[in-house]
Protein backbone atom coordinates (compact mmCIF):
# COMPACT_ATOMS: atom_id res chain seq x y z
CA MET A 1 -16.84 -23.04 48.97
CA ALA A 2 -17.98 -26.45 50.19
CA ARG A 3 -17.52 -27.33 53.85
CA LYS A 4 -15.76 -30.66 54.30
CA LEU A 5 -15.36 -33.03 57.25
CA PHE A 6 -13.12 -36.09 57.33
CA VAL A 7 -14.57 -38.77 59.62
CA ALA A 8 -11.86 -41.09 60.95
CA ALA A 9 -12.18 -43.87 63.53
CA THR A 10 -10.09 -45.87 65.98
CA GLY A 11 -11.17 -49.12 64.32
CA LYS A 12 -14.02 -51.02 62.77
CA ASP A 13 -17.41 -51.33 64.45
CA CYS A 14 -17.17 -47.93 66.19
CA GLY A 15 -20.31 -46.76 64.44
CA LYS A 16 -18.50 -44.57 61.91
CA THR A 17 -20.98 -45.30 59.13
CA THR A 18 -23.89 -44.53 61.46
CA VAL A 19 -22.23 -41.21 62.29
CA CYS A 20 -21.81 -40.42 58.58
CA LEU A 21 -25.48 -41.19 57.94
CA SER A 22 -26.37 -38.86 60.79
CA LEU A 23 -24.12 -36.09 59.57
CA LEU A 24 -25.66 -36.19 56.11
CA HIS A 25 -29.15 -36.17 57.59
CA CYS A 26 -28.45 -33.16 59.82
CA ALA A 27 -26.51 -31.32 57.11
CA ALA A 28 -29.41 -31.74 54.71
CA GLN A 29 -31.60 -29.79 57.16
CA LYS A 30 -29.22 -26.84 56.98
CA TYR A 31 -27.46 -26.97 53.60
CA ARG A 32 -29.10 -27.16 50.20
CA ARG A 33 -26.66 -29.62 48.63
CA VAL A 34 -24.90 -32.36 50.59
CA GLY A 35 -22.31 -34.81 49.31
CA PHE A 36 -20.38 -37.89 50.35
CA ILE A 37 -17.11 -39.55 49.40
CA LYS A 38 -15.35 -42.70 50.60
CA PRO A 39 -11.88 -41.99 49.14
CA VAL A 40 -10.46 -45.48 49.75
CA GLY A 41 -12.97 -48.30 49.41
CA PRO A 42 -11.79 -51.70 50.67
CA LYS A 43 -15.21 -53.42 50.77
CA LEU A 44 -16.47 -53.53 47.22
CA ILE A 45 -19.85 -54.29 45.74
CA SER A 46 -21.42 -53.76 42.33
CA TYR A 47 -23.93 -50.93 42.47
CA GLN A 48 -25.76 -49.57 39.45
CA GLY A 49 -23.11 -50.93 37.12
CA GLN A 50 -20.20 -49.51 39.09
CA VAL A 51 -17.77 -51.28 41.42
CA MET A 52 -17.60 -49.21 44.58
CA ASP A 53 -17.32 -49.33 48.35
CA LYS A 54 -20.47 -50.60 50.03
CA ASP A 55 -20.68 -47.56 52.35
CA ALA A 56 -20.65 -45.24 49.35
CA ALA A 57 -23.46 -47.27 47.79
CA LEU A 58 -25.40 -47.08 51.07
CA MET A 59 -25.15 -43.27 51.23
CA CYS A 60 -26.09 -42.98 47.58
CA GLU A 61 -29.20 -45.09 48.07
CA VAL A 62 -30.36 -43.51 51.33
CA PHE A 63 -29.78 -39.88 50.31
CA GLN A 64 -30.41 -40.26 46.58
CA LEU A 65 -26.94 -39.08 45.56
CA HIS A 66 -27.06 -40.74 42.15
CA ASP A 67 -25.81 -37.64 40.36
CA GLN A 68 -22.62 -38.00 42.45
CA LEU A 69 -22.15 -41.69 41.62
CA PRO A 70 -18.89 -41.34 39.62
CA TRP A 71 -17.12 -39.64 42.53
CA LEU A 72 -18.44 -41.43 45.63
CA SER A 73 -15.73 -44.13 45.68
CA PRO A 74 -12.70 -42.99 43.66
CA VAL A 75 -10.20 -45.65 44.82
CA ALA A 76 -11.67 -49.14 44.77
CA VAL A 77 -9.26 -51.54 46.49
CA HIS A 78 -9.31 -54.84 44.62
CA GLY A 79 -7.47 -58.00 45.66
CA HIS A 80 -4.51 -57.10 43.43
CA THR A 81 -4.29 -53.39 44.29
CA THR A 82 -1.86 -53.74 47.20
CA ARG A 83 0.49 -55.99 45.18
CA ASP A 84 0.34 -53.60 42.23
CA VAL A 85 1.50 -50.72 44.43
CA LEU A 86 4.27 -52.76 46.06
CA ASP A 87 5.40 -54.13 42.68
CA GLY A 88 5.62 -50.59 41.33
CA THR A 89 3.02 -51.09 38.60
CA LEU A 90 0.56 -48.70 40.28
CA ASP A 91 1.75 -45.28 41.39
CA PRO A 92 0.15 -44.02 44.64
CA LEU A 93 0.23 -40.53 43.11
CA LEU A 94 -2.32 -41.75 40.55
CA LEU A 95 -4.60 -42.77 43.42
CA HIS A 96 -4.10 -39.33 44.98
CA GLN A 97 -5.13 -37.72 41.71
CA GLN A 98 -8.27 -39.85 41.52
CA ILE A 99 -9.25 -38.83 45.07
CA LEU A 100 -8.51 -35.14 44.45
CA GLU A 101 -10.45 -35.04 41.20
CA ALA A 102 -13.48 -36.77 42.75
CA CYS A 103 -13.49 -34.33 45.66
CA ARG A 104 -13.11 -31.35 43.31
CA GLN A 105 -16.15 -32.49 41.36
CA LEU A 106 -18.19 -32.76 44.57
CA GLU A 107 -17.02 -29.37 45.80
CA GLN A 108 -18.40 -27.78 42.66
CA GLN A 109 -21.91 -29.03 43.35
CA CYS A 110 -22.13 -29.41 47.15
CA ASP A 111 -22.25 -27.13 50.17
CA PHE A 112 -21.37 -29.80 52.75
CA ILE A 113 -19.31 -32.96 52.12
CA VAL A 114 -18.81 -35.89 54.46
CA ILE A 115 -15.55 -37.74 53.80
CA GLU A 116 -15.57 -41.20 55.37
CA GLY A 117 -12.22 -42.74 56.24
CA SER A 118 -11.49 -46.46 56.09
CA GLY A 119 -11.15 -48.55 59.26
CA HIS A 120 -8.53 -47.38 61.75
CA ALA A 121 -6.06 -44.59 61.03
CA GLY A 122 -3.51 -46.89 59.41
CA VAL A 123 -5.80 -48.45 56.81
CA GLY A 124 -4.67 -47.59 53.29
CA SER A 125 -1.09 -46.75 54.30
CA VAL A 126 0.34 -49.49 52.08
CA LEU A 127 -1.24 -47.69 49.12
CA GLY A 128 0.10 -44.32 50.20
CA CYS A 129 -3.50 -43.46 51.07
CA GLY A 130 -3.68 -43.74 54.84
CA ASN A 131 -6.41 -41.75 56.54
CA ALA A 132 -4.13 -38.92 57.62
CA THR A 133 -2.58 -38.66 54.15
CA VAL A 134 -6.01 -38.43 52.52
CA ALA A 135 -7.26 -35.86 55.06
CA ARG A 136 -4.18 -33.72 54.39
CA LEU A 137 -4.60 -34.16 50.63
CA LEU A 138 -8.21 -32.95 50.79
CA GLN A 139 -7.46 -30.24 53.38
CA ALA A 140 -10.40 -31.37 55.48
CA PRO A 141 -10.88 -30.93 59.25
CA VAL A 142 -10.80 -34.29 61.03
CA MET A 143 -13.20 -35.78 63.55
CA MET A 144 -12.32 -39.17 65.03
CA VAL A 145 -15.03 -41.60 66.16
CA ALA A 146 -14.20 -43.90 69.08
CA GLU A 147 -16.20 -46.53 70.90
CA ALA A 148 -17.09 -45.66 74.50
CA GLY A 149 -15.02 -46.79 77.44
CA ILE A 150 -12.15 -45.32 79.40
CA GLY A 151 -8.87 -47.24 79.46
CA ARG A 152 -9.19 -49.06 76.15
CA ALA A 153 -10.73 -46.04 74.45
CA VAL A 154 -7.88 -43.76 75.54
CA ASP A 155 -5.26 -46.31 74.44
CA LEU A 156 -6.80 -46.72 70.99
CA LEU A 157 -7.25 -42.99 70.56
CA HIS A 158 -3.61 -42.24 71.38
CA MET A 159 -2.46 -44.93 68.96
CA ASN A 160 -4.59 -43.57 66.13
CA LEU A 161 -3.94 -39.91 66.89
CA ALA A 162 -0.20 -40.61 66.63
CA LEU A 163 -0.52 -41.29 62.88
CA PHE A 164 -2.30 -37.98 62.35
CA ASP A 165 0.33 -36.20 64.47
CA GLN A 166 3.07 -37.82 62.39
CA ALA A 167 1.42 -36.53 59.21
CA GLU A 168 0.97 -33.10 60.84
CA VAL A 169 -2.78 -33.31 60.40
CA PRO A 170 -4.67 -31.95 63.43
CA VAL A 171 -7.66 -33.87 64.76
CA HIS A 172 -10.13 -31.25 65.94
CA MET A 173 -12.73 -33.44 67.63
CA ILE A 174 -13.16 -36.87 69.19
CA LEU A 175 -16.72 -38.20 69.04
CA ILE A 176 -17.42 -40.91 71.62
CA ASN A 177 -19.96 -43.40 70.33
CA LYS A 178 -22.02 -46.34 71.62
CA ILE A 179 -22.15 -44.90 75.13
CA VAL A 180 -24.04 -46.77 77.86
CA ALA A 181 -26.74 -44.24 78.67
CA GLU A 182 -26.40 -44.53 82.47
CA LYS A 183 -22.64 -43.95 82.25
CA ARG A 184 -22.72 -41.16 79.67
CA GLU A 185 -21.77 -38.26 81.93
CA GLU A 186 -19.09 -40.25 83.77
CA ASN A 187 -17.57 -41.70 80.58
CA LEU A 188 -17.38 -38.36 78.81
CA GLY A 189 -16.01 -36.66 81.92
CA TYR A 190 -13.05 -39.04 82.16
CA LEU A 191 -12.30 -38.88 78.44
CA GLN A 192 -12.35 -35.10 78.54
CA LYS A 193 -9.84 -35.25 81.41
CA ALA A 194 -7.67 -37.71 79.47
CA PHE A 195 -7.35 -35.30 76.53
CA SER A 196 -7.49 -32.01 78.39
CA GLY A 197 -3.91 -31.23 77.38
CA LYS A 198 -4.62 -31.58 73.66
CA PRO A 199 -6.14 -28.89 71.39
CA LEU A 200 -9.24 -30.92 70.54
CA GLN A 201 -12.83 -31.26 71.67
CA VAL A 202 -14.31 -34.42 73.17
CA GLU A 203 -18.03 -34.75 72.42
CA GLY A 204 -20.61 -37.45 72.99
CA GLY A 205 -22.21 -39.24 70.09
CA PHE A 206 -24.89 -41.94 70.15
CA ASN A 207 -25.87 -43.97 73.16
CA PHE A 208 -25.65 -47.72 72.68
CA SER A 209 -28.80 -48.98 70.95
CA PRO A 210 -29.68 -52.68 70.65
CA VAL A 211 -31.78 -51.84 67.60
CA LEU A 212 -28.72 -50.46 65.80
CA ALA A 213 -26.33 -53.09 67.15
CA ASN A 214 -28.40 -56.21 66.40
CA PRO A 215 -28.94 -57.91 63.03
CA THR A 216 -32.12 -58.36 61.02
CA LEU A 217 -33.39 -61.66 59.63
CA SER A 218 -32.27 -60.42 56.23
CA ARG A 219 -28.74 -59.89 57.57
CA ILE A 220 -28.64 -63.44 58.98
CA SER A 221 -29.83 -64.76 55.64
CA ARG A 222 -26.91 -63.02 53.95
CA ILE A 223 -24.22 -64.21 56.35
CA LEU A 224 -25.46 -67.81 56.15
CA ASP A 225 -25.88 -67.45 52.37
CA VAL A 226 -29.30 -69.11 52.36
CA PRO A 227 -32.73 -67.68 51.49
CA LEU A 228 -35.23 -66.56 54.09
CA GLN A 229 -38.39 -68.66 53.83
CA GLY A 230 -41.78 -68.54 55.50
CA ASN A 231 -43.10 -65.03 56.14
CA VAL A 232 -40.48 -63.07 54.19
CA GLU A 233 -42.27 -59.81 55.01
CA GLU A 234 -40.56 -60.15 58.39
CA ARG A 235 -37.10 -59.93 56.78
CA GLN A 236 -36.36 -56.57 58.43
CA ARG A 237 -37.31 -57.79 61.89
CA ILE A 238 -34.47 -57.10 64.32
CA ILE A 239 -33.12 -60.00 66.38
CA HIS A 240 -32.34 -59.21 69.99
CA HIS A 241 -31.41 -62.68 71.25
CA VAL A 242 -29.95 -65.86 69.76
CA GLN A 243 -30.77 -69.19 71.39
CA LEU A 244 -29.35 -72.61 70.58
CA GLY A 245 -32.24 -75.06 70.74
CA ALA A 246 -30.33 -77.85 72.47
CA ALA A 247 -32.51 -78.34 75.56
CA SER A 248 -35.91 -80.02 75.85
CA ALA A 249 -38.79 -78.41 73.98
CA GLN A 250 -40.35 -77.13 77.20
CA ARG A 251 -37.05 -75.67 78.41
CA VAL A 252 -36.52 -73.90 75.08
CA ALA A 253 -40.00 -72.38 75.36
CA ASP A 254 -39.31 -71.24 78.92
CA LEU A 255 -36.08 -69.50 77.85
CA LEU A 256 -37.61 -67.51 75.00
CA GLN A 257 -36.96 -63.77 75.18
CA GLU A 258 -38.03 -60.80 73.09
CA ALA A 259 -37.26 -61.30 69.37
CA THR A 260 -35.31 -64.55 69.69
CA LEU A 261 -33.69 -66.32 66.76
CA LEU A 262 -33.58 -70.05 67.47
CA LEU A 263 -31.11 -72.50 65.98
CA VAL A 264 -32.83 -75.90 65.85
CA ASN A 265 -31.09 -78.94 64.35
CA SER A 266 -32.90 -80.55 61.42
CA SER A 267 -33.36 -83.74 63.47
CA ARG A 268 -35.34 -81.97 66.24
CA ASP A 269 -38.82 -82.52 64.75
CA GLU A 270 -40.65 -82.10 68.04
CA LEU A 271 -39.00 -78.75 68.75
CA MET A 272 -39.71 -77.35 65.27
CA VAL A 273 -43.35 -78.46 65.52
CA MET A 274 -43.72 -76.82 68.94
CA LEU A 275 -42.18 -73.52 67.79
CA ALA A 276 -44.32 -73.48 64.65
CA SER A 277 -47.40 -73.94 66.85
CA LEU A 278 -46.33 -71.24 69.32
CA TYR A 279 -45.78 -68.83 66.43
CA HIS A 280 -49.55 -68.76 65.93
CA LEU A 281 -50.10 -67.44 69.48
CA PRO A 282 -49.95 -63.63 70.06
CA GLU A 283 -48.21 -64.08 73.41
CA TYR A 284 -45.33 -65.89 71.67
CA ARG A 285 -45.22 -64.13 68.29
CA HIS A 286 -43.16 -61.23 69.70
CA LYS A 287 -40.71 -63.69 71.26
CA ILE A 288 -40.03 -65.80 68.17
CA ALA A 289 -38.24 -63.84 65.44
CA GLY A 290 -37.47 -66.92 63.38
CA LEU A 291 -35.58 -70.19 63.00
CA VAL A 292 -32.28 -71.30 61.60
CA ILE A 293 -32.40 -75.03 60.80
CA PRO A 294 -28.85 -76.39 60.47
CA GLY A 295 -27.77 -79.99 59.83
CA TYR A 296 -27.27 -82.52 57.04
CA ALA A 297 -30.23 -84.70 58.00
CA PRO A 298 -33.37 -83.84 55.98
CA VAL A 299 -36.38 -82.40 57.80
CA SER A 300 -39.22 -84.93 57.80
CA PRO A 301 -41.99 -84.11 55.28
CA ILE A 302 -44.72 -83.71 57.94
CA THR A 303 -42.54 -81.41 60.06
CA GLN A 304 -41.62 -79.39 56.97
CA LYS A 305 -45.30 -78.95 56.12
CA ILE A 306 -46.14 -77.79 59.67
CA VAL A 307 -43.28 -75.28 59.59
CA ASP A 308 -44.30 -73.98 56.16
CA ASP A 309 -47.98 -73.72 57.08
CA SER A 310 -47.18 -71.74 60.24
CA GLY A 311 -45.53 -68.91 58.29
CA ILE A 312 -42.65 -68.78 60.78
CA PRO A 313 -39.61 -67.18 59.10
CA TYR A 314 -36.82 -69.73 58.74
CA MET A 315 -33.52 -70.45 57.04
CA ARG A 316 -32.29 -73.91 56.13
CA THR A 317 -28.52 -74.56 56.06
CA THR A 318 -26.35 -77.66 55.88
CA LEU A 319 -23.86 -76.11 58.30
CA SER A 320 -23.53 -77.85 61.65
CA ASN A 321 -25.17 -76.34 64.74
CA SER A 322 -21.85 -75.04 66.02
CA GLU A 323 -20.81 -73.55 62.66
CA ALA A 324 -24.14 -71.78 62.18
CA PHE A 325 -24.13 -70.52 65.78
CA ALA A 326 -20.56 -69.20 65.40
CA ARG A 327 -21.44 -67.32 62.21
CA VAL A 328 -24.59 -65.79 63.65
CA THR A 329 -23.14 -64.76 67.01
CA GLY A 330 -19.78 -63.70 65.56
CA ASP A 331 -21.37 -61.24 63.16
CA VAL A 332 -21.47 -57.53 63.90
CA ALA A 333 -24.55 -56.07 62.24
CA LYS A 334 -23.87 -53.59 59.47
CA ILE A 335 -26.51 -51.24 58.14
CA SER A 336 -27.82 -51.73 54.62
CA ALA A 337 -30.15 -49.53 52.59
CA ASP A 338 -32.94 -52.06 53.19
CA ASP A 339 -32.79 -51.61 56.97
CA ARG A 340 -35.50 -48.97 56.98
CA GLU A 341 -36.27 -49.28 60.69
CA LYS A 342 -32.62 -48.71 61.60
CA ILE A 343 -32.15 -45.84 59.16
CA ASP A 344 -35.32 -44.12 60.36
CA LEU A 345 -34.10 -44.50 63.96
CA ILE A 346 -30.70 -43.06 63.04
CA ARG A 347 -32.38 -40.03 61.49
CA ARG A 348 -34.44 -39.44 64.65
CA LEU A 349 -31.52 -39.96 67.02
CA ALA A 350 -29.26 -37.72 64.94
CA GLU A 351 -31.44 -34.74 65.77
CA THR A 352 -31.11 -35.28 69.53
CA GLU A 353 -27.85 -37.15 70.17
CA LEU A 354 -25.43 -35.91 67.50
CA PRO A 355 -23.78 -32.56 68.41
CA PHE A 356 -24.15 -31.28 64.87
CA ASP A 357 -23.89 -27.59 65.75
CA ALA A 358 -20.54 -28.19 67.45
CA ILE A 359 -19.34 -30.24 64.47
CA ASP A 360 -20.52 -27.59 62.01
CA ALA A 361 -18.74 -24.90 64.02
CA LEU A 362 -15.60 -27.03 63.83
CA ILE A 363 -15.72 -26.93 60.03
CA ARG A 364 -16.29 -23.19 59.99
């Protein structure tokens, strides 16, 4: 019989998808056949001719689960789905049947199945498919992922655990994620104290990693909806700093840090020329990840030629400086199948930072 684990979370951006990637990687070292399902998929994409949740598509691509494609994302939440349920034209029991049938199919061909919940514990409740309801439906042990901290983490955990308690679904483990390495022991110690009266384990997950937390040039290209130009082979380069090129050219150069993405208005010819020139120099190449060139004003032909000839990766957008800066800095990087550096790092870290043996024992 297949072992199943339902992975819940206290909210978005806790690193739940990273944890699921790690679980599948570790499980594949121990079990012959691993599987994945995202029962309720609120973030849809088209993948290999099928509309499905983007996390399901990610797992399929990374772990080559194409034979499981029909069952990876059984409930795709479209814009009309919520209204259909509330209007009575879509029965939640039909959604339950779709989830159960997909999981049954996976159980027949897998030894270990990761079930990824959606958002916080309440997501999907309007459809009759909240996380606790789905976990109970699939009779899967629950592990809840929470972002590190003490006060806020405990508050969010209690709020989310209450929905599982209400549904009479036990949460067996809390996995604390994105821990500041120097505070790991202290953070886990306090959280273990906070939940010492509850019948669940508190374990440490991944330490905070700038590589995993920060976006790639390709990601920035997607959120600005403009193509990456220049040296496109750098599209998977990870950005560690974002700098608004508003100061003098010399001051901008002085402020450059490791892997900086610079936003330079299309009217700042002298700054673009300087950065294009610095990009040729080895001592600056590691500091300059690329440019975003916002603004309605056209870039002068000579400046454009210098930028193109330098090979510096850049994106051109008609957004204003402030709009482009807000989009870039307001984004929380999500992993895609193209992020090979991040995925390879996750695989390596999973073998040292994820307490897979404890999680596996939980399922047993």
